[in-house]
Amino acid sequence: MPISMDELRQIADLARLRLSDVELEAMHSDLNRVLTHFTHLQELQLAGVEVSAHAVDAQSVWDNDEPSGGLSREQALSSAPSAESGLFLVPTIIE
């Protein structure tokens, strides 16, 4: 169902958008293309199609939060400019 230019002007007014005639024409065209796309989607015969969250079989990309590998404390602190008691020392920034 296409939207009329008057309806678009009313929507723009309600949204407090100040659009030029060129911008209104462009938005009118874009919005009508989107509405036409939704009309085509509504015409699809989806009876018997199983509902799913994804179009393809998706699996979690998150790995278990298990420590593995990495640097030892000594290795991590070996290149630190300053360290004490196994911690990095940084300059104080709060007076």
Protein backbone atom coordinates (compact mmCIF):
# COMPACT_ATOMS: atom_id res chain seq x y z
CA MET A 1 0.00 0.00 0.00
CA PRO A 2 1.84 3.11 -1.16
CA ILE A 3 1.90 6.22 0.97
CA SER A 4 0.69 9.50 -0.49
CA MET A 5 2.73 12.69 -0.51
CA ASP A 6 0.18 14.32 1.83
CA GLU A 7 0.54 11.46 4.32
CA LEU A 8 4.32 11.79 4.13
CA ARG A 9 4.12 15.52 4.79
CA GLN A 10 1.89 14.84 7.80
CA ILE A 11 4.32 12.24 9.15
CA ALA A 12 7.25 14.61 8.64
CA ASP A 13 5.32 17.33 10.45
CA LEU A 14 4.53 15.01 13.38
CA ALA A 15 8.21 14.03 13.55
CA ARG A 16 9.13 17.72 13.41
CA LEU A 17 11.23 17.19 10.30
CA ARG A 18 11.85 20.13 8.03
CA LEU A 19 12.27 18.56 4.63
CA SER A 20 12.71 20.33 1.32
CA ASP A 21 10.62 19.29 -1.68
CA VAL A 22 13.61 17.37 -3.05
CA GLU A 23 14.05 15.52 0.24
CA LEU A 24 10.31 14.76 0.39
CA GLU A 25 10.38 13.33 -3.13
CA ALA A 26 13.40 11.15 -2.31
CA MET A 27 11.86 9.95 0.96
CA HIS A 28 8.53 9.32 -0.78
CA SER A 29 10.24 7.11 -3.35
CA ASP A 30 12.35 5.25 -0.77
CA LEU A 31 9.46 4.71 1.63
CA ASN A 32 7.18 3.40 -1.10
CA ARG A 33 9.87 0.93 -2.20
CA VAL A 34 10.15 -0.35 1.39
CA LEU A 35 6.37 -0.65 1.72
CA THR A 36 6.19 -2.51 -1.60
CA HIS A 37 8.85 -4.92 -0.34
CA PHE A 38 6.79 -5.59 2.81
CA THR A 39 3.71 -6.18 0.66
CA HIS A 40 5.65 -8.84 -1.28
CA LEU A 41 6.77 -10.43 1.98
CA GLN A 42 3.17 -10.62 3.18
CA GLU A 43 2.22 -12.50 0.01
CA LEU A 44 4.65 -15.36 0.69
CA GLN A 45 3.11 -18.73 1.47
CA LEU A 46 4.83 -19.73 4.69
CA ALA A 47 2.47 -22.42 5.98
CA GLY A 48 4.55 -25.37 7.09
CA VAL A 49 7.78 -23.41 7.33
CA GLU A 50 9.41 -24.00 10.69
CA VAL A 51 10.07 -20.86 12.72
CA SER A 52 13.74 -20.29 13.44
CA ALA A 53 15.94 -17.54 14.81
CA HIS A 54 18.36 -17.78 11.87
CA ALA A 55 18.08 -18.65 8.20
CA VAL A 56 20.97 -21.08 8.53
CA ASP A 57 22.03 -23.43 11.30
CA ALA A 58 23.94 -21.07 13.59
CA GLN A 59 26.11 -22.11 16.47
CA SER A 60 27.54 -20.00 19.24
CA VAL A 61 30.78 -18.31 18.28
CA TRP A 62 31.71 -17.83 21.91
CA ASP A 63 34.25 -20.22 23.31
CA ASN A 64 34.16 -21.50 26.85
CA ASP A 65 35.73 -19.03 29.22
CA GLU A 66 38.55 -21.36 30.22
CA PRO A 67 42.11 -20.13 30.75
CA SER A 68 44.49 -21.58 28.21
CA GLY A 69 48.02 -20.70 27.23
CA GLY A 70 49.02 -17.08 27.56
CA LEU A 71 51.93 -15.50 29.38
CA SER A 72 53.09 -16.26 32.86
CA ARG A 73 53.20 -13.33 35.29
CA GLU A 74 56.96 -13.16 34.98
CA GLN A 75 56.82 -13.09 31.18
CA ALA A 76 54.17 -10.35 31.18
CA LEU A 77 56.12 -8.18 33.65
CA SER A 78 59.49 -8.76 31.96
CA SER A 79 59.01 -5.89 29.50
CA ALA A 80 57.20 -3.55 31.90
CA PRO A 81 58.96 -0.22 32.52
CA SER A 82 58.15 -0.54 36.21
CA ALA A 83 56.75 -3.39 38.33
CA GLU A 84 56.48 -4.18 42.01
CA SER A 85 55.08 -7.19 43.91
CA GLY A 86 53.99 -8.82 40.66
CA LEU A 87 52.01 -5.77 39.49
CA PHE A 88 52.52 -3.12 36.83
CA LEU A 89 53.38 0.28 38.24
CA VAL A 90 51.88 3.26 36.41
CA PRO A 91 52.21 6.99 37.07
CA THR A 92 49.63 8.54 39.38
CA ILE A 93 47.16 10.61 37.40
CA ILE A 94 44.93 11.82 40.25
CA GLU A 95 46.24 14.58 42.45
